Amino acid sequence: MPSGLGSRLAYSLVVGGAIAGLVAACGDETSPQKAGGNSGSAGVAPSGSSAGGGAGVAGGGGAPNAGGPMGGSQQGGVGGTAPASTGGGGVASGGNIGVGGLTSGGAPAGGAGGDGSEGGAMGSPGSGEQCDTSPVAQPPGPACAVAPSVTQEYQVGLATEVLSFGVRLRATGYFGVVHLNEIEVHYYYSQEETSGFRPSVDSYILQPAGLDLTASSEISIVPLNPKQGSTSGPGCQTHFIRIRNSSPLELLPSAQGQVYAEVHVTLTPNDSAPPNQNHSDDHSYVPEAKTWTDTALLGVYQCGQLTSGCTPGDSGTCN
């Protein structure tokens, strides 16, 4: 064979073997691609003999793996070539199996919580965004709530010249997060005691944890304007007792109702001499409620809106 033709044939065989090795290494684009291994050792095989290995190529041609929660680079490893025939003789050996790149460095698993996310455990503030917690200036009249976010129970206490009662408040969970400082309770009554009252919150406890929030409770007596006539009294309702708490803790809903805020209130007259208070004509007074009883005669507000109970005024205004 002429020497020039032999040289060209040998060159063609070498180049063809290298191209075949590249095709075998890259593979079909539609198949899953992972990180390859280390670069194989380079070598050129003479015709008719076994080569040590084809030219090394970058492995892991697929998209970089997503980073894991712990962070790090999102980069695959460098792989070796697949076995490729380079000459008329033996088969060339491929490079070592590639080692996958580190998957650290990705974004943290899970995004940040949005507004209104679930509140904290008992005794810790909830994380939901709060509404306006300003006091209710005057109740609507007449009005009754139909879809409560907070329910109420009532228990009567003393009913002499001193007035005392208790209220239990529970979140229903139907309308989102409820914070204690969003809740306001109204007790409506007709005041005959000319000396006026000294109101006090005797206790404000978050159960079942027994968390005492009495120190952050608030109570005041507010004149009704205009005065409202009530058929449940019956009588002309002149004032309401406003009960609040400044704590931002969440009142968690519970299926069995074991989570609740229990409040006890006393009104003591400034002067014990007659005329003393007559409770029978008070809109919110329920003498039969010797134990905890559902009632609709106290007004419970959340974020300034009536959410449980009924205000007086079903007999219009009065003097």
Protein backbone atom coordinates (compact mmCIF):
# COMPACT_ATOMS: atom_id res chain seq x y z
CA MET A 1 0.00 0.00 0.00
CA PRO A 2 1.34 3.48 -0.78
CA SER A 3 2.75 5.18 2.31
CA GLY A 4 0.59 8.32 1.90
CA LEU A 5 -2.64 6.29 1.68
CA GLY A 6 -1.64 4.24 4.76
CA SER A 7 -1.07 7.40 6.78
CA ARG A 8 -4.43 8.86 5.83
CA LEU A 9 -6.22 5.57 6.69
CA ALA A 10 -4.58 5.40 10.10
CA TYR A 11 -5.53 9.05 10.80
CA SER A 12 -9.17 8.37 9.79
CA LEU A 13 -9.39 5.37 12.10
CA VAL A 14 -8.07 7.38 15.06
CA VAL A 15 -10.42 10.34 14.49
CA GLY A 16 -13.40 8.04 13.91
CA GLY A 17 -12.73 6.20 17.15
CA ALA A 18 -12.58 9.45 19.10
CA ILE A 19 -15.91 10.65 17.63
CA ALA A 20 -17.56 7.33 18.43
CA GLY A 21 -16.33 7.61 22.01
CA LEU A 22 -17.85 11.11 22.34
CA VAL A 23 -21.23 9.93 21.00
CA ALA A 24 -21.31 6.99 23.40
CA ALA A 25 -20.38 9.25 26.29
CA CYS A 26 -23.07 11.89 25.61
CA GLY A 27 -25.92 9.44 25.07
CA ASP A 28 -29.53 10.15 24.02
CA GLU A 29 -30.81 13.63 25.04
CA THR A 30 -34.18 12.24 26.07
CA SER A 31 -32.76 9.90 28.74
CA PRO A 32 -32.22 11.08 32.36
CA GLN A 33 -28.84 12.71 32.75
CA LYS A 34 -26.94 12.62 36.02
CA ALA A 35 -23.52 13.73 37.23
CA GLY A 36 -20.64 11.71 35.73
CA GLY A 37 -17.32 10.58 37.11
CA ASN A 38 -13.71 11.60 36.90
CA SER A 39 -12.05 12.27 33.56
CA GLY A 40 -10.60 9.15 31.95
CA SER A 41 -6.96 8.95 31.01
CA ALA A 42 -6.22 10.15 27.50
CA GLY A 43 -4.45 8.00 24.92
CA VAL A 44 -4.14 7.35 21.18
CA ALA A 45 -4.22 3.71 20.14
CA PRO A 46 -2.18 2.52 17.21
CA SER A 47 -3.96 0.38 14.66
CA GLY A 48 -4.53 -3.16 15.82
CA SER A 49 -3.75 -2.65 19.52
CA SER A 50 -5.74 -1.98 22.68
CA ALA A 51 -5.67 1.60 23.92
CA GLY A 52 -5.59 2.52 27.56
CA GLY A 53 -8.60 4.81 27.23
CA GLY A 54 -10.31 7.34 25.01
CA ALA A 55 -10.03 11.05 25.35
CA GLY A 56 -11.74 12.20 28.57
CA VAL A 57 -14.91 14.31 28.20
CA ALA A 58 -17.03 16.22 30.68
CA GLY A 59 -19.71 13.93 32.16
CA GLY A 60 -23.09 14.63 33.70
CA GLY A 61 -24.48 16.55 30.76
CA GLY A 62 -27.90 16.99 32.41
CA ALA A 63 -29.22 20.01 34.26
CA PRO A 64 -27.57 20.71 37.63
CA ASN A 65 -29.23 19.03 40.59
CA ALA A 66 -31.32 21.29 42.80
CA GLY A 67 -29.64 22.30 46.02
CA GLY A 68 -30.68 20.64 49.23
CA PRO A 69 -31.93 22.28 52.40
CA MET A 70 -28.47 22.54 53.94
CA GLY A 71 -26.97 24.72 51.19
CA GLY A 72 -23.91 24.35 48.94
CA SER A 73 -23.17 24.48 45.23
CA GLN A 74 -25.64 23.22 42.66
CA GLN A 75 -23.12 21.55 40.35
CA GLY A 76 -22.57 18.01 39.06
CA GLY A 77 -19.28 16.11 38.91
CA VAL A 78 -16.97 15.55 35.96
CA GLY A 79 -17.37 12.14 34.34
CA GLY A 80 -15.23 9.85 32.22
CA THR A 81 -15.75 8.50 28.76
CA ALA A 82 -17.70 5.40 27.89
CA PRO A 83 -15.77 2.43 26.38
CA ALA A 84 -15.01 3.12 22.73
CA SER A 85 -13.37 1.13 19.97
CA THR A 86 -10.41 3.05 18.65
CA GLY A 87 -8.69 0.66 16.34
CA GLY A 88 -8.78 -2.61 14.55
CA GLY A 89 -7.62 -4.54 17.57
CA GLY A 90 -8.77 -4.52 21.17
CA VAL A 91 -11.38 -2.44 22.98
CA ALA A 92 -10.36 0.72 24.82
CA SER A 93 -11.20 0.91 28.51
CA GLY A 94 -13.27 3.83 29.76
CA GLY A 95 -12.70 6.21 32.61
CA ASN A 96 -13.77 5.73 36.24
CA ILE A 97 -17.38 6.18 37.24
CA GLY A 98 -18.05 9.79 37.98
CA VAL A 99 -18.89 11.08 41.46
CA GLY A 100 -21.93 13.32 41.72
CA GLY A 101 -21.43 16.94 42.65
CA LEU A 102 -22.57 18.44 45.92
CA THR A 103 -26.22 19.38 46.13
CA SER A 104 -25.81 21.89 48.95
CA GLY A 105 -26.40 25.53 48.28
CA GLY A 106 -30.05 25.41 47.31
CA ALA A 107 -32.82 27.45 48.74
CA PRO A 108 -34.18 26.41 52.14
CA ALA A 109 -37.00 23.90 52.00
CA GLY A 110 -40.33 25.63 52.33
CA GLY A 111 -41.10 29.28 51.88
CA ALA A 112 -41.72 31.88 54.50
CA GLY A 113 -45.21 31.92 55.97
CA GLY A 114 -47.67 34.56 54.78
CA ASP A 115 -50.16 36.72 56.66
CA GLY A 116 -52.62 34.91 58.81
CA SER A 117 -50.38 31.94 59.44
CA GLU A 118 -51.14 29.61 62.27
CA GLY A 119 -50.71 31.02 65.77
CA GLY A 120 -48.29 29.84 68.39
CA ALA A 121 -48.86 27.25 71.03
CA MET A 122 -50.70 27.99 74.24
CA GLY A 123 -48.93 30.79 76.04
CA SER A 124 -47.14 32.20 72.98
CA PRO A 125 -48.34 34.92 70.61
CA GLY A 126 -49.95 33.84 67.38
CA SER A 127 -48.34 35.01 64.18
CA GLY A 128 -51.45 36.05 62.29
CA GLU A 129 -51.83 39.71 61.36
CA GLN A 130 -54.02 41.58 63.85
CA CYS A 131 -57.01 43.76 63.11
CA ASP A 132 -57.91 47.08 64.70
CA THR A 133 -58.15 46.54 68.46
CA SER A 134 -59.73 49.89 69.33
CA PRO A 135 -62.64 49.77 71.84
CA VAL A 136 -66.21 49.76 70.54
CA ALA A 137 -67.60 53.26 71.14
CA GLN A 138 -71.29 52.28 71.21
CA PRO A 139 -73.11 49.04 70.40
CA PRO A 140 -75.48 48.85 67.44
CA GLY A 141 -79.08 48.62 68.47
CA PRO A 142 -80.89 46.41 68.05
CA ALA A 143 -78.64 43.71 66.57
CA CYS A 144 -77.94 39.98 66.93
CA ALA A 145 -74.90 38.06 65.68
CA VAL A 146 -75.50 35.03 63.45
CA ALA A 147 -72.03 33.54 62.74
CA PRO A 148 -69.81 33.66 65.84
CA SER A 149 -66.03 33.58 65.73
CA VAL A 150 -66.18 33.62 69.55
CA THR A 151 -68.89 31.95 71.63
CA GLN A 152 -69.96 32.88 75.15
CA GLU A 153 -71.16 31.22 78.32
CA TYR A 154 -72.47 33.08 81.36
CA GLN A 155 -72.75 32.33 85.07
CA VAL A 156 -74.56 34.60 87.51
CA GLY A 157 -72.90 35.50 90.81
CA LEU A 158 -74.04 37.95 93.46
CA ALA A 159 -77.24 39.85 92.70
CA THR A 160 -77.65 42.19 95.67
CA GLU A 161 -76.39 45.77 95.66
CA VAL A 162 -73.13 44.14 94.53
CA LEU A 163 -73.26 42.62 91.06
CA SER A 164 -70.94 39.79 89.98
CA PHE A 165 -70.88 37.33 87.09
CA GLY A 166 -68.56 35.20 84.98
CA VAL A 167 -68.05 34.78 81.24
CA ARG A 168 -66.34 32.02 79.26
CA LEU A 169 -65.08 32.76 75.76
CA ARG A 170 -64.17 30.15 73.12
CA ALA A 171 -62.88 30.55 69.56
CA THR A 172 -64.83 28.59 66.95
CA GLY A 173 -62.02 28.53 64.38
CA TYR A 174 -64.45 29.26 61.53
CA PHE A 175 -63.16 32.72 60.66
CA GLY A 176 -59.43 32.66 61.23
CA VAL A 177 -57.20 33.57 64.14
CA VAL A 178 -58.64 35.20 67.28
CA HIS A 179 -56.39 37.18 69.63
CA LEU A 180 -57.49 38.10 73.14
CA ASN A 181 -56.91 41.82 72.61
CA GLU A 182 -59.38 41.74 69.70
CA ILE A 183 -62.24 40.59 71.97
CA GLU A 184 -64.58 42.93 73.82
CA VAL A 185 -67.48 41.83 76.05
CA HIS A 186 -70.50 44.02 76.87
CA TYR A 187 -72.86 43.49 79.79
CA TYR A 188 -75.96 45.71 79.34
CA TYR A 189 -77.92 46.93 82.36
CA SER A 190 -80.24 49.60 83.72
CA GLN A 191 -78.51 51.53 86.47
CA GLU A 192 -80.58 52.59 89.47
CA GLU A 193 -77.62 52.90 91.82
CA THR A 194 -77.22 56.67 92.13
CA SER A 195 -73.75 56.49 93.69
CA GLY A 196 -72.29 54.59 90.74
CA PHE A 197 -70.06 51.51 90.73
CA ARG A 198 -66.44 50.53 91.06
CA PRO A 199 -65.92 47.77 88.48
CA SER A 200 -63.16 45.19 88.82
CA VAL A 201 -61.94 42.12 86.96
CA ASP A 202 -61.40 39.55 89.69
CA SER A 203 -59.73 37.04 87.39
CA TYR A 204 -58.98 36.51 83.71
CA ILE A 205 -57.56 33.00 83.16
CA LEU A 206 -56.64 31.25 79.92
CA GLN A 207 -57.52 27.57 80.32
CA PRO A 208 -56.59 24.73 80.39
CA ALA A 209 -53.06 26.08 80.89
CA GLY A 210 -54.17 28.18 83.87
CA LEU A 211 -52.39 31.24 82.48
CA ASP A 212 -53.31 34.25 84.64
CA LEU A 213 -53.92 37.36 82.53
CA THR A 214 -55.75 39.34 85.19
CA ALA A 215 -53.05 42.02 85.27
CA SER A 216 -53.60 42.82 81.56
CA SER A 217 -57.41 42.92 81.81
CA GLU A 218 -59.43 46.12 81.44
CA ILE A 219 -62.92 47.07 82.62
CA SER A 220 -64.99 50.24 82.44
CA ILE A 221 -68.60 51.44 82.67
CA VAL A 222 -69.85 53.32 79.62
CA PRO A 223 -73.20 55.21 79.37
CA LEU A 224 -75.38 54.03 76.48
CA ASN A 225 -76.03 56.82 74.00
CA PRO A 226 -78.85 56.71 73.14
CA LYS A 227 -80.41 54.62 75.91
CA GLN A 228 -82.02 51.46 74.57
CA GLY A 229 -85.26 49.76 75.53
CA SER A 230 -85.03 45.98 76.02
CA THR A 231 -87.86 43.42 76.08
CA SER A 232 -85.56 40.88 77.75
CA GLY A 233 -85.06 43.19 80.77
CA PRO A 234 -87.53 44.62 80.42
CA GLY A 235 -86.33 48.10 81.09
CA CYS A 236 -84.47 51.12 79.80
CA GLN A 237 -80.79 50.11 79.44
CA THR A 238 -78.62 53.00 80.49
CA HIS A 239 -75.07 51.58 80.65
CA PHE A 240 -72.85 48.73 79.58
CA ILE A 241 -69.81 47.16 81.20
CA ARG A 242 -66.89 46.94 78.77
CA ILE A 243 -64.45 44.05 79.44
CA ARG A 244 -61.21 43.71 77.48
CA ASN A 245 -57.67 42.33 77.71
CA SER A 246 -54.52 43.82 76.21
CA SER A 247 -52.76 40.47 75.76
CA PRO A 248 -52.01 39.56 72.10
CA LEU A 249 -52.10 35.83 72.85
CA GLU A 250 -54.18 33.70 70.52
CA LEU A 251 -57.39 32.07 71.76
CA LEU A 252 -56.90 28.69 70.09
CA PRO A 253 -59.95 26.82 68.78
CA SER A 254 -60.42 23.24 70.02
CA ALA A 255 -62.85 20.53 68.95
CA GLN A 256 -63.80 19.64 72.53
CA GLY A 257 -63.90 23.23 73.78
CA GLN A 258 -61.21 22.67 76.41
CA VAL A 259 -59.45 25.92 75.47
CA TYR A 260 -61.24 29.02 76.77
CA ALA A 261 -60.78 32.31 78.58
CA GLU A 262 -62.70 32.58 81.86
CA VAL A 263 -63.43 36.03 83.24
CA HIS A 264 -64.98 36.99 86.59
CA VAL A 265 -66.25 40.52 87.21
CA THR A 266 -67.64 42.44 90.22
CA LEU A 267 -69.39 45.82 90.42
CA THR A 268 -69.34 47.36 93.88
CA PRO A 269 -71.45 50.48 94.60
CA ASN A 270 -69.62 53.57 95.77
CA ASP A 271 -72.24 53.96 98.50
CA SER A 272 -74.03 50.96 99.98
CA ALA A 273 -76.98 53.03 101.13
CA PRO A 274 -80.26 52.72 99.13
CA PRO A 275 -81.40 53.02 96.45
CA ASN A 276 -79.62 49.82 95.50
CA GLN A 277 -79.36 48.17 92.12
CA ASN A 278 -82.39 46.34 90.69
CA HIS A 279 -81.10 43.53 88.42
CA SER A 280 -84.41 42.15 87.20
CA ASP A 281 -84.69 44.82 84.50
CA ASP A 282 -81.12 44.37 83.19
CA HIS A 283 -80.84 43.10 79.62
CA SER A 284 -77.90 40.78 80.36
CA TYR A 285 -78.99 39.44 83.75
CA VAL A 286 -80.01 35.73 83.76
CA PRO A 287 -80.87 34.62 87.31
CA GLU A 288 -81.36 30.97 86.22
CA ALA A 289 -77.73 30.64 85.09
CA LYS A 290 -76.36 29.18 88.33
CA THR A 291 -73.93 27.05 86.25
CA TRP A 292 -72.22 27.87 82.97
CA THR A 293 -74.99 28.53 80.46
CA ASP A 294 -75.09 29.57 76.81
CA THR A 295 -76.57 33.03 76.49
CA ALA A 296 -77.27 35.62 73.81
CA LEU A 297 -77.78 38.53 76.19
CA LEU A 298 -74.17 39.71 76.37
CA GLY A 299 -72.56 41.30 73.36
CA VAL A 300 -69.22 39.81 72.28
CA TYR A 301 -67.21 41.71 69.67
CA GLN A 302 -64.12 40.82 67.66
CA CYS A 303 -62.29 43.57 65.80
CA GLY A 304 -65.16 45.97 66.52
CA GLN A 305 -67.83 43.71 64.98
CA LEU A 306 -70.59 41.98 66.93
CA THR A 307 -69.80 38.27 66.69
CA SER A 308 -71.94 36.73 69.46
CA GLY A 309 -75.09 37.68 71.37
CA CYS A 310 -77.67 40.45 71.03
CA THR A 311 -77.60 44.09 71.97
CA PRO A 312 -80.63 45.76 73.62
CA GLY A 313 -82.83 48.11 71.63
CA ASP A 314 -85.60 45.82 70.41
CA SER A 315 -88.03 48.22 72.11
CA GLY A 316 -86.36 51.25 70.57
CA THR A 317 -84.80 54.14 72.44
CA CYS A 318 -85.93 55.24 75.87
CA ASN A 319 -85.44 57.89 78.55
